[in-house]
């Protein structure tokens, strides 16, 4: 993610997506996939 973005807000947005909102992530987890993720803001 690039721009004037608060890193904590970016991390929280990714957490909410992968763990709560994204139906594709939920479908893959239900099939046994282990999903790991990391957030980089302005390459940090």
ModelCIF file with pLDDT and N, C-alpha, C, O atoms, coordinates in Angstrom:
data_MODEL
#
_entry.id   MODEL 
#
_entity.id                         1 
_entity.type                       polymer 
_entity.pdbx_number_of_molecules   1 
#
_entity_poly.entity_id                      1 
_entity_poly.type                           'polypeptide(L)' 
_entity_poly.nstd_linkage                   no 
_entity_poly.nstd_monomer                   no 
_entity_poly.pdbx_seq_one_letter_code       
;(UNK)(UNK)(UNK)(UNK)(UNK)(UNK)(UNK)(UNK)(UNK)(UNK)(UNK)(UNK)(UNK)(UNK)(UNK)(UNK)
(UNK)(UNK)(UNK)(UNK)(UNK)(UNK)(UNK)(UNK)(UNK)(UNK)(UNK)(UNK)(UNK)(UNK)(UNK)(UNK)
(UNK)(UNK)(UNK)(UNK)(UNK)(UNK)(UNK)(UNK)(UNK)(UNK)(UNK)(UNK)
;
_entity_poly.pdbx_seq_one_letter_code_can   XXXXXXXXXXXXXXXXXXXXXXXXXXXXXXXXXXXXXXXXXXXX 
_entity_poly.pdbx_strand_id                 A 
#
loop_
_entity_poly_seq.entity_id 
_entity_poly_seq.num 
_entity_poly_seq.mon_id 
_entity_poly_seq.hetero 
1 1  UNK n 
1 2  UNK n 
1 3  UNK n 
1 4  UNK n 
1 5  UNK n 
1 6  UNK n 
1 7  UNK n 
1 8  UNK n 
1 9  UNK n 
1 10 UNK n 
1 11 UNK n 
1 12 UNK n 
1 13 UNK n 
1 14 UNK n 
1 15 UNK n 
1 16 UNK n 
1 17 UNK n 
1 18 UNK n 
1 19 UNK n 
1 20 UNK n 
1 21 UNK n 
1 22 UNK n 
1 23 UNK n 
1 24 UNK n 
1 25 UNK n 
1 26 UNK n 
1 27 UNK n 
1 28 UNK n 
1 29 UNK n 
1 30 UNK n 
1 31 UNK n 
1 32 UNK n 
1 33 UNK n 
1 34 UNK n 
1 35 UNK n 
1 36 UNK n 
1 37 UNK n 
1 38 UNK n 
1 39 UNK n 
1 40 UNK n 
1 41 UNK n 
1 42 UNK n 
1 43 UNK n 
1 44 UNK n 
#
_struct_asym.id          A 
_struct_asym.entity_id   1 
#
loop_
_ma_qa_metric.id 
_ma_qa_metric.mode 
_ma_qa_metric.name 
_ma_qa_metric.software_group_id 
_ma_qa_metric.type 
1 global pLDDT . pLDDT 
2 local  pLDDT . pLDDT 
#
_ma_qa_metric_global.metric_id      1 
_ma_qa_metric_global.metric_value   97.32 
_ma_qa_metric_global.model_id       1 
_ma_qa_metric_global.ordinal_id     1 
#
loop_
_ma_qa_metric_local.label_asym_id 
_ma_qa_metric_local.label_comp_id 
_ma_qa_metric_local.label_seq_id 
_ma_qa_metric_local.metric_id 
_ma_qa_metric_local.metric_value 
_ma_qa_metric_local.model_id 
_ma_qa_metric_local.ordinal_id 
A UNK 1  2 98.00 1 1  
A UNK 2  2 98.00 1 2  
A UNK 3  2 98.00 1 3  
A UNK 4  2 97.00 1 4  
A UNK 5  2 98.00 1 5  
A UNK 6  2 97.00 1 6  
A UNK 7  2 97.00 1 7  
A UNK 8  2 97.00 1 8  
A UNK 9  2 97.00 1 9  
A UNK 10 2 98.00 1 10 
A UNK 11 2 97.00 1 11 
A UNK 12 2 98.00 1 12 
A UNK 13 2 98.00 1 13 
A UNK 14 2 98.00 1 14 
A UNK 15 2 98.00 1 15 
A UNK 16 2 98.00 1 16 
A UNK 17 2 98.00 1 17 
A UNK 18 2 98.00 1 18 
A UNK 19 2 97.00 1 19 
A UNK 20 2 98.00 1 20 
A UNK 21 2 98.00 1 21 
A UNK 22 2 98.00 1 22 
A UNK 23 2 98.00 1 23 
A UNK 24 2 98.00 1 24 
A UNK 25 2 98.00 1 25 
A UNK 26 2 98.00 1 26 
A UNK 27 2 98.00 1 27 
A UNK 28 2 98.00 1 28 
A UNK 29 2 98.00 1 29 
A UNK 30 2 98.00 1 30 
A UNK 31 2 97.00 1 31 
A UNK 32 2 97.00 1 32 
A UNK 33 2 98.00 1 33 
A UNK 34 2 98.00 1 34 
A UNK 35 2 98.00 1 35 
A UNK 36 2 97.00 1 36 
A UNK 37 2 97.00 1 37 
A UNK 38 2 97.00 1 38 
A UNK 39 2 97.00 1 39 
A UNK 40 2 97.00 1 40 
A UNK 41 2 98.00 1 41 
A UNK 42 2 96.00 1 42 
A UNK 43 2 91.00 1 43 
A UNK 44 2 91.00 1 44 
#
loop_
_atom_site.group_PDB 
_atom_site.id 
_atom_site.type_symbol 
_atom_site.label_atom_id 
_atom_site.label_alt_id 
_atom_site.label_comp_id 
_atom_site.label_asym_id 
_atom_site.label_entity_id 
_atom_site.label_seq_id 
_atom_site.pdbx_PDB_ins_code 
_atom_site.Cartn_x 
_atom_site.Cartn_y 
_atom_site.Cartn_z 
_atom_site.occupancy 
_atom_site.B_iso_or_equiv 
_atom_site.pdbx_formal_charge 
_atom_site.auth_seq_id 
_atom_site.auth_comp_id 
_atom_site.auth_asym_id 
_atom_site.auth_atom_id 
_atom_site.pdbx_PDB_model_num 
ATOM 1   N N  . UNK A 1 1  ? 0.859   -1.180  0.000  1.00 98.00 ? 1  UNK A N  1 
ATOM 2   C CA . UNK A 1 1  ? 0.000   0.000   0.000  1.00 98.00 ? 1  UNK A CA 1 
ATOM 3   C C  . UNK A 1 1  ? 0.895   1.230   0.000  1.00 98.00 ? 1  UNK A C  1 
ATOM 4   O O  . UNK A 1 1  ? 1.845   1.321   0.777  1.00 98.00 ? 1  UNK A O  1 
ATOM 5   N N  . UNK A 1 2  ? 0.582   2.171   -0.877 1.00 98.00 ? 2  UNK A N  1 
ATOM 6   C CA . UNK A 1 2  ? 1.403   3.377   -1.027 1.00 98.00 ? 2  UNK A CA 1 
ATOM 7   C C  . UNK A 1 2  ? 0.546   4.617   -0.823 1.00 98.00 ? 2  UNK A C  1 
ATOM 8   O O  . UNK A 1 2  ? -0.633  4.639   -1.177 1.00 98.00 ? 2  UNK A O  1 
ATOM 9   N N  . UNK A 1 3  ? 1.150   5.637   -0.254 1.00 98.00 ? 3  UNK A N  1 
ATOM 10  C CA . UNK A 1 3  ? 0.478   6.911   -0.053 1.00 98.00 ? 3  UNK A CA 1 
ATOM 11  C C  . UNK A 1 3  ? 0.602   7.368   1.383  1.00 98.00 ? 3  UNK A C  1 
ATOM 12  O O  . UNK A 1 3  ? 1.429   6.868   2.145  1.00 98.00 ? 3  UNK A O  1 
ATOM 13  N N  . UNK A 1 4  ? -0.230  8.322   1.736  1.00 97.00 ? 4  UNK A N  1 
ATOM 14  C CA . UNK A 1 4  ? -0.279  8.840   3.102  1.00 97.00 ? 4  UNK A CA 1 
ATOM 15  C C  . UNK A 1 4  ? -1.256  7.965   3.882  1.00 97.00 ? 4  UNK A C  1 
ATOM 16  O O  . UNK A 1 4  ? -2.422  8.313   4.067  1.00 97.00 ? 4  UNK A O  1 
ATOM 17  N N  . UNK A 1 5  ? -0.747  6.823   4.331  1.00 98.00 ? 5  UNK A N  1 
ATOM 18  C CA . UNK A 1 5  ? -1.576  5.794   4.966  1.00 98.00 ? 5  UNK A CA 1 
ATOM 19  C C  . UNK A 1 5  ? -0.976  5.445   6.319  1.00 98.00 ? 5  UNK A C  1 
ATOM 20  O O  . UNK A 1 5  ? 0.218   5.166   6.425  1.00 98.00 ? 5  UNK A O  1 
ATOM 21  N N  . UNK A 1 6  ? -1.802  5.464   7.341  1.00 97.00 ? 6  UNK A N  1 
ATOM 22  C CA . UNK A 1 6  ? -1.387  5.075   8.687  1.00 97.00 ? 6  UNK A CA 1 
ATOM 23  C C  . UNK A 1 6  ? -1.128  3.563   8.692  1.00 97.00 ? 6  UNK A C  1 
ATOM 24  O O  . UNK A 1 6  ? -2.042  2.792   8.400  1.00 97.00 ? 6  UNK A O  1 
ATOM 25  N N  . UNK A 1 7  ? 0.084   3.124   9.015  1.00 97.00 ? 7  UNK A N  1 
ATOM 26  C CA . UNK A 1 7  ? 0.399   1.695   8.994  1.00 97.00 ? 7  UNK A CA 1 
ATOM 27  C C  . UNK A 1 7  ? -0.529  0.853   9.874  1.00 97.00 ? 7  UNK A C  1 
ATOM 28  O O  . UNK A 1 7  ? -0.891  -0.260  9.494  1.00 97.00 ? 7  UNK A O  1 
ATOM 29  N N  . UNK A 1 8  ? -0.914  1.364   11.036 1.00 97.00 ? 8  UNK A N  1 
ATOM 30  C CA . UNK A 1 8  ? -1.812  0.601   11.918 1.00 97.00 ? 8  UNK A CA 1 
ATOM 31  C C  . UNK A 1 8  ? -3.178  0.410   11.265 1.00 97.00 ? 8  UNK A C  1 
ATOM 32  O O  . UNK A 1 8  ? -3.790  -0.650  11.396 1.00 97.00 ? 8  UNK A O  1 
ATOM 33  N N  . UNK A 1 9  ? -3.650  1.430   10.566 1.00 97.00 ? 9  UNK A N  1 
ATOM 34  C CA . UNK A 1 9  ? -4.944  1.314   9.873  1.00 97.00 ? 9  UNK A CA 1 
ATOM 35  C C  . UNK A 1 9  ? -4.848  0.344   8.697  1.00 97.00 ? 9  UNK A C  1 
ATOM 36  O O  . UNK A 1 9  ? -5.790  -0.395  8.413  1.00 97.00 ? 9  UNK A O  1 
ATOM 37  N N  . UNK A 1 10 ? -3.705  0.355   8.020  1.00 98.00 ? 10 UNK A N  1 
ATOM 38  C CA . UNK A 1 10 ? -3.502  -0.579  6.918  1.00 98.00 ? 10 UNK A CA 1 
ATOM 39  C C  . UNK A 1 10 ? -3.496  -2.016  7.433  1.00 98.00 ? 10 UNK A C  1 
ATOM 40  O O  . UNK A 1 10 ? -4.115  -2.896  6.835  1.00 98.00 ? 10 UNK A O  1 
ATOM 41  N N  . UNK A 1 11 ? -2.797  -2.253  8.544  1.00 97.00 ? 11 UNK A N  1 
ATOM 42  C CA . UNK A 1 11 ? -2.761  -3.589  9.129  1.00 97.00 ? 11 UNK A CA 1 
ATOM 43  C C  . UNK A 1 11 ? -4.154  -4.028  9.554  1.00 97.00 ? 11 UNK A C  1 
ATOM 44  O O  . UNK A 1 11 ? -4.555  -5.164  9.301  1.00 97.00 ? 11 UNK A O  1 
ATOM 45  N N  . UNK A 1 12 ? -4.882  -3.140  10.190 1.00 98.00 ? 12 UNK A N  1 
ATOM 46  C CA . UNK A 1 12 ? -6.243  -3.475  10.639 1.00 98.00 ? 12 UNK A CA 1 
ATOM 47  C C  . UNK A 1 12 ? -7.149  -3.789  9.454  1.00 98.00 ? 12 UNK A C  1 
ATOM 48  O O  . UNK A 1 12 ? -7.967  -4.706  9.523  1.00 98.00 ? 12 UNK A O  1 
ATOM 49  N N  . UNK A 1 13 ? -7.008  -3.034  8.369  1.00 98.00 ? 13 UNK A N  1 
ATOM 50  C CA . UNK A 1 13 ? -7.822  -3.292  7.179  1.00 98.00 ? 13 UNK A CA 1 
ATOM 51  C C  . UNK A 1 13 ? -7.519  -4.680  6.606  1.00 98.00 ? 13 UNK A C  1 
ATOM 52  O O  . UNK A 1 13 ? -8.433  -5.405  6.213  1.00 98.00 ? 13 UNK A O  1 
ATOM 53  N N  . UNK A 1 14 ? -6.232  -5.045  6.559  1.00 98.00 ? 14 UNK A N  1 
ATOM 54  C CA . UNK A 1 14 ? -5.856  -6.373  6.075  1.00 98.00 ? 14 UNK A CA 1 
ATOM 55  C C  . UNK A 1 14 ? -6.382  -7.461  7.006  1.00 98.00 ? 14 UNK A C  1 
ATOM 56  O O  . UNK A 1 14 ? -6.885  -8.485  6.544  1.00 98.00 ? 14 UNK A O  1 
ATOM 57  N N  . UNK A 1 15 ? -6.268  -7.242  8.322  1.00 98.00 ? 15 UNK A N  1 
ATOM 58  C CA . UNK A 1 15 ? -6.793  -8.206  9.298  1.00 98.00 ? 15 UNK A CA 1 
ATOM 59  C C  . UNK A 1 15 ? -8.288  -8.438  9.076  1.00 98.00 ? 15 UNK A C  1 
ATOM 60  O O  . UNK A 1 15 ? -8.748  -9.578  9.015  1.00 98.00 ? 15 UNK A O  1 
ATOM 61  N N  . UNK A 1 16 ? -9.030  -7.349  8.959  1.00 98.00 ? 16 UNK A N  1 
ATOM 62  C CA . UNK A 1 16 ? -10.485 -7.458  8.774  1.00 98.00 ? 16 UNK A CA 1 
ATOM 63  C C  . UNK A 1 16 ? -10.815 -8.195  7.479  1.00 98.00 ? 16 UNK A C  1 
ATOM 64  O O  . UNK A 1 16 ? -11.719 -9.029  7.441  1.00 98.00 ? 16 UNK A O  1 
ATOM 65  N N  . UNK A 1 17 ? -10.081 -7.881  6.432  1.00 98.00 ? 17 UNK A N  1 
ATOM 66  C CA . UNK A 1 17 ? -10.353 -8.537  5.158  1.00 98.00 ? 17 UNK A CA 1 
ATOM 67  C C  . UNK A 1 17 ? -10.094 -10.039 5.237  1.00 98.00 ? 17 UNK A C  1 
ATOM 68  O O  . UNK A 1 17 ? -10.992 -10.842 4.983  1.00 98.00 ? 17 UNK A O  1 
ATOM 69  N N  . UNK A 1 18 ? -8.873  -10.414 5.586  1.00 98.00 ? 18 UNK A N  1 
ATOM 70  C CA . UNK A 1 18 ? -8.496  -11.833 5.559  1.00 98.00 ? 18 UNK A CA 1 
ATOM 71  C C  . UNK A 1 18 ? -9.250  -12.648 6.603  1.00 98.00 ? 18 UNK A C  1 
ATOM 72  O O  . UNK A 1 18 ? -9.620  -13.792 6.342  1.00 98.00 ? 18 UNK A O  1 
ATOM 73  N N  . UNK A 1 19 ? -9.482  -12.074 7.780  1.00 97.00 ? 19 UNK A N  1 
ATOM 74  C CA . UNK A 1 19 ? -10.086 -12.835 8.875  1.00 97.00 ? 19 UNK A CA 1 
ATOM 75  C C  . UNK A 1 19 ? -11.610 -12.745 8.944  1.00 97.00 ? 19 UNK A C  1 
ATOM 76  O O  . UNK A 1 19 ? -12.245 -13.598 9.563  1.00 97.00 ? 19 UNK A O  1 
ATOM 77  N N  . UNK A 1 20 ? -12.208 -11.725 8.319  1.00 98.00 ? 20 UNK A N  1 
ATOM 78  C CA . UNK A 1 20 ? -13.645 -11.531 8.509  1.00 98.00 ? 20 UNK A CA 1 
ATOM 79  C C  . UNK A 1 20 ? -14.445 -11.368 7.222  1.00 98.00 ? 20 UNK A C  1 
ATOM 80  O O  . UNK A 1 20 ? -15.440 -12.065 7.025  1.00 98.00 ? 20 UNK A O  1 
ATOM 81  N N  . UNK A 1 21 ? -14.026 -10.458 6.342  1.00 98.00 ? 21 UNK A N  1 
ATOM 82  C CA . UNK A 1 21 ? -14.886 -10.065 5.227  1.00 98.00 ? 21 UNK A CA 1 
ATOM 83  C C  . UNK A 1 21 ? -14.695 -10.832 3.927  1.00 98.00 ? 21 UNK A C  1 
ATOM 84  O O  . UNK A 1 21 ? -15.669 -11.052 3.207  1.00 98.00 ? 21 UNK A O  1 
ATOM 85  N N  . UNK A 1 22 ? -13.489 -11.242 3.603  1.00 98.00 ? 22 UNK A N  1 
ATOM 86  C CA . UNK A 1 22 ? -13.216 -11.829 2.290  1.00 98.00 ? 22 UNK A CA 1 
ATOM 87  C C  . UNK A 1 22 ? -13.760 -13.257 2.200  1.00 98.00 ? 22 UNK A C  1 
ATOM 88  O O  . UNK A 1 22 ? -13.262 -14.170 2.858  1.00 98.00 ? 22 UNK A O  1 
ATOM 89  N N  . UNK A 1 23 ? -14.776 -13.422 1.384  1.00 98.00 ? 23 UNK A N  1 
ATOM 90  C CA . UNK A 1 23 ? -15.405 -14.736 1.216  1.00 98.00 ? 23 UNK A CA 1 
ATOM 91  C C  . UNK A 1 23 ? -14.458 -15.742 0.569  1.00 98.00 ? 23 UNK A C  1 
ATOM 92  O O  . UNK A 1 23 ? -14.533 -16.935 0.861  1.00 98.00 ? 23 UNK A O  1 
ATOM 93  N N  . UNK A 1 24 ? -13.580 -15.280 -0.294 1.00 98.00 ? 24 UNK A N  1 
ATOM 94  C CA . UNK A 1 24 ? -12.636 -16.197 -0.932 1.00 98.00 ? 24 UNK A CA 1 
ATOM 95  C C  . UNK A 1 24 ? -11.657 -16.735 0.106  1.00 98.00 ? 24 UNK A C  1 
ATOM 96  O O  . UNK A 1 24 ? -11.350 -17.927 0.106  1.00 98.00 ? 24 UNK A O  1 
ATOM 97  N N  . UNK A 1 25 ? -11.166 -15.871 0.987  1.00 98.00 ? 25 UNK A N  1 
ATOM 98  C CA . UNK A 1 25 ? -10.272 -16.334 2.057  1.00 98.00 ? 25 UNK A CA 1 
ATOM 99  C C  . UNK A 1 25 ? -10.984 -17.362 2.937  1.00 98.00 ? 25 UNK A C  1 
ATOM 100 O O  . UNK A 1 25 ? -10.400 -18.384 3.298  1.00 98.00 ? 25 UNK A O  1 
ATOM 101 N N  . UNK A 1 26 ? -12.219 -17.096 3.275  1.00 98.00 ? 26 UNK A N  1 
ATOM 102 C CA . UNK A 1 26 ? -12.986 -18.031 4.100  1.00 98.00 ? 26 UNK A CA 1 
ATOM 103 C C  . UNK A 1 26 ? -13.173 -19.369 3.388  1.00 98.00 ? 26 UNK A C  1 
ATOM 104 O O  . UNK A 1 26 ? -13.092 -20.425 4.015  1.00 98.00 ? 26 UNK A O  1 
ATOM 105 N N  . UNK A 1 27 ? -13.419 -19.326 2.105  1.00 98.00 ? 27 UNK A N  1 
ATOM 106 C CA . UNK A 1 27 ? -13.593 -20.552 1.323  1.00 98.00 ? 27 UNK A CA 1 
ATOM 107 C C  . UNK A 1 27 ? -12.301 -21.361 1.285  1.00 98.00 ? 27 UNK A C  1 
ATOM 108 O O  . UNK A 1 27 ? -12.323 -22.578 1.465  1.00 98.00 ? 27 UNK A O  1 
ATOM 109 N N  . UNK A 1 28 ? -11.181 -20.690 1.052  1.00 98.00 ? 28 UNK A N  1 
ATOM 110 C CA . UNK A 1 28 ? -9.897  -21.387 1.019  1.00 98.00 ? 28 UNK A CA 1 
ATOM 111 C C  . UNK A 1 28 ? -9.542  -21.963 2.385  1.00 98.00 ? 28 UNK A C  1 
ATOM 112 O O  . UNK A 1 28 ? -9.040  -23.083 2.467  1.00 98.00 ? 28 UNK A O  1 
ATOM 113 N N  . UNK A 1 29 ? -9.796  -21.215 3.458  1.00 98.00 ? 29 UNK A N  1 
ATOM 114 C CA . UNK A 1 29 ? -9.545  -21.746 4.809  1.00 98.00 ? 29 UNK A CA 1 
ATOM 115 C C  . UNK A 1 29 ? -10.429 -22.955 5.093  1.00 98.00 ? 29 UNK A C  1 
ATOM 116 O O  . UNK A 1 29 ? -9.970  -23.931 5.688  1.00 98.00 ? 29 UNK A O  1 
ATOM 117 N N  . UNK A 1 30 ? -11.684 -22.901 4.676  1.00 98.00 ? 30 UNK A N  1 
ATOM 118 C CA . UNK A 1 30 ? -12.590 -24.033 4.893  1.00 98.00 ? 30 UNK A CA 1 
ATOM 119 C C  . UNK A 1 30 ? -12.105 -25.284 4.163  1.00 98.00 ? 30 UNK A C  1 
ATOM 120 O O  . UNK A 1 30 ? -12.399 -26.405 4.579  1.00 98.00 ? 30 UNK A O  1 
ATOM 121 N N  . UNK A 1 31 ? -11.366 -25.089 3.078  1.00 97.00 ? 31 UNK A N  1 
ATOM 122 C CA . UNK A 1 31 ? -10.800 -26.212 2.331  1.00 97.00 ? 31 UNK A CA 1 
ATOM 123 C C  . UNK A 1 31 ? -9.454  -26.654 2.900  1.00 97.00 ? 31 UNK A C  1 
ATOM 124 O O  . UNK A 1 31 ? -8.824  -27.560 2.355  1.00 97.00 ? 31 UNK A O  1 
ATOM 125 N N  . UNK A 1 32 ? -9.007  -26.028 3.983  1.00 97.00 ? 32 UNK A N  1 
ATOM 126 C CA . UNK A 1 32 ? -7.792  -26.451 4.656  1.00 97.00 ? 32 UNK A CA 1 
ATOM 127 C C  . UNK A 1 32 ? -6.556  -25.616 4.384  1.00 97.00 ? 32 UNK A C  1 
ATOM 128 O O  . UNK A 1 32 ? -5.470  -25.968 4.844  1.00 97.00 ? 32 UNK A O  1 
ATOM 129 N N  . UNK A 1 33 ? -6.686  -24.515 3.647  1.00 98.00 ? 33 UNK A N  1 
ATOM 130 C CA . UNK A 1 33 ? -5.522  -23.684 3.354  1.00 98.00 ? 33 UNK A CA 1 
ATOM 131 C C  . UNK A 1 33 ? -5.135  -22.848 4.565  1.00 98.00 ? 33 UNK A C  1 
ATOM 132 O O  . UNK A 1 33 ? -5.990  -22.347 5.295  1.00 98.00 ? 33 UNK A O  1 
ATOM 133 N N  . UNK A 1 34 ? -3.836  -22.709 4.762  1.00 98.00 ? 34 UNK A N  1 
ATOM 134 C CA . UNK A 1 34 ? -3.279  -21.833 5.785  1.00 98.00 ? 34 UNK A CA 1 
ATOM 135 C C  . UNK A 1 34 ? -2.895  -20.533 5.089  1.00 98.00 ? 34 UNK A C  1 
ATOM 136 O O  . UNK A 1 34 ? -2.023  -20.534 4.220  1.00 98.00 ? 34 UNK A O  1 
ATOM 137 N N  . UNK A 1 35 ? -3.534  -19.425 5.457  1.00 98.00 ? 35 UNK A N  1 
ATOM 138 C CA . UNK A 1 35 ? -3.264  -18.142 4.823  1.00 98.00 ? 35 UNK A CA 1 
ATOM 139 C C  . UNK A 1 35 ? -2.470  -17.269 5.780  1.00 98.00 ? 35 UNK A C  1 
ATOM 140 O O  . UNK A 1 35 ? -2.930  -16.958 6.879  1.00 98.00 ? 35 UNK A O  1 
ATOM 141 N N  . UNK A 1 36 ? -1.278  -16.877 5.358  1.00 97.00 ? 36 UNK A N  1 
ATOM 142 C CA . UNK A 1 36 ? -0.437  -15.943 6.109  1.00 97.00 ? 36 UNK A CA 1 
ATOM 143 C C  . UNK A 1 36 ? -0.342  -14.667 5.286  1.00 97.00 ? 36 UNK A C  1 
ATOM 144 O O  . UNK A 1 36 ? -0.408  -14.704 4.057  1.00 97.00 ? 36 UNK A O  1 
ATOM 145 N N  . UNK A 1 37 ? -0.186  -13.531 5.977  1.00 97.00 ? 37 UNK A N  1 
ATOM 146 C CA . UNK A 1 37 ? -0.120  -12.283 5.222  1.00 97.00 ? 37 UNK A CA 1 
ATOM 147 C C  . UNK A 1 37 ? 0.729   -11.257 5.946  1.00 97.00 ? 37 UNK A C  1 
ATOM 148 O O  . UNK A 1 37 ? 0.915   -11.305 7.162  1.00 97.00 ? 37 UNK A O  1 
ATOM 149 N N  . UNK A 1 38 ? 1.236   -10.328 5.151  1.00 97.00 ? 38 UNK A N  1 
ATOM 150 C CA . UNK A 1 38 ? 1.975   -9.211  5.721  1.00 97.00 ? 38 UNK A CA 1 
ATOM 151 C C  . UNK A 1 38 ? 1.600   -7.949  4.965  1.00 97.00 ? 38 UNK A C  1 
ATOM 152 O O  . UNK A 1 38 ? 1.203   -7.989  3.800  1.00 97.00 ? 38 UNK A O  1 
ATOM 153 N N  . UNK A 1 39 ? 1.738   -6.830  5.657  1.00 97.00 ? 39 UNK A N  1 
ATOM 154 C CA . UNK A 1 39 ? 1.373   -5.529  5.117  1.00 97.00 ? 39 UNK A CA 1 
ATOM 155 C C  . UNK A 1 39 ? 2.625   -4.674  5.011  1.00 97.00 ? 39 UNK A C  1 
ATOM 156 O O  . UNK A 1 39 ? 3.412   -4.592  5.954  1.00 97.00 ? 39 UNK A O  1 
ATOM 157 N N  . UNK A 1 40 ? 2.803   -4.046  3.871  1.00 97.00 ? 40 UNK A N  1 
ATOM 158 C CA . UNK A 1 40 ? 3.888   -3.095  3.662  1.00 97.00 ? 40 UNK A CA 1 
ATOM 159 C C  . UNK A 1 40 ? 3.272   -1.772  3.234  1.00 97.00 ? 40 UNK A C  1 
ATOM 160 O O  . UNK A 1 40 ? 2.504   -1.715  2.274  1.00 97.00 ? 40 UNK A O  1 
ATOM 161 N N  . UNK A 1 41 ? 3.615   -0.711  3.953  1.00 98.00 ? 41 UNK A N  1 
ATOM 162 C CA . UNK A 1 41 ? 3.152   0.633   3.603  1.00 98.00 ? 41 UNK A CA 1 
ATOM 163 C C  . UNK A 1 41 ? 4.369   1.402   3.127  1.00 98.00 ? 41 UNK A C  1 
ATOM 164 O O  . UNK A 1 41 ? 5.344   1.558   3.862  1.00 98.00 ? 41 UNK A O  1 
ATOM 165 N N  . UNK A 1 42 ? 4.310   1.880   1.897  1.00 96.00 ? 42 UNK A N  1 
ATOM 166 C CA . UNK A 1 42 ? 5.441   2.582   1.279  1.00 96.00 ? 42 UNK A CA 1 
ATOM 167 C C  . UNK A 1 42 ? 6.721   1.753   1.377  1.00 96.00 ? 42 UNK A C  1 
ATOM 168 O O  . UNK A 1 42 ? 7.803   2.277   1.641  1.00 96.00 ? 42 UNK A O  1 
ATOM 169 N N  . UNK A 1 43 ? 6.571   0.461   1.160  1.00 91.00 ? 43 UNK A N  1 
ATOM 170 C CA . UNK A 1 43 ? 7.654   -0.531  1.144  1.00 91.00 ? 43 UNK A CA 1 
ATOM 171 C C  . UNK A 1 43 ? 8.266   -0.802  2.524  1.00 91.00 ? 43 UNK A C  1 
ATOM 172 O O  . UNK A 1 43 ? 9.312   -1.445  2.608  1.00 91.00 ? 43 UNK A O  1 
ATOM 173 N N  . UNK A 1 44 ? 7.645   -0.332  3.592  1.00 91.00 ? 44 UNK A N  1 
ATOM 174 C CA . UNK A 1 44 ? 8.088   -0.650  4.946  1.00 91.00 ? 44 UNK A CA 1 
ATOM 175 C C  . UNK A 1 44 ? 7.147   -1.667  5.548  1.00 91.00 ? 44 UNK A C  1 
ATOM 176 O O  . UNK A 1 44 ? 7.334   -2.080  6.692  1.00 91.00 ? 44 UNK A O  1 
#
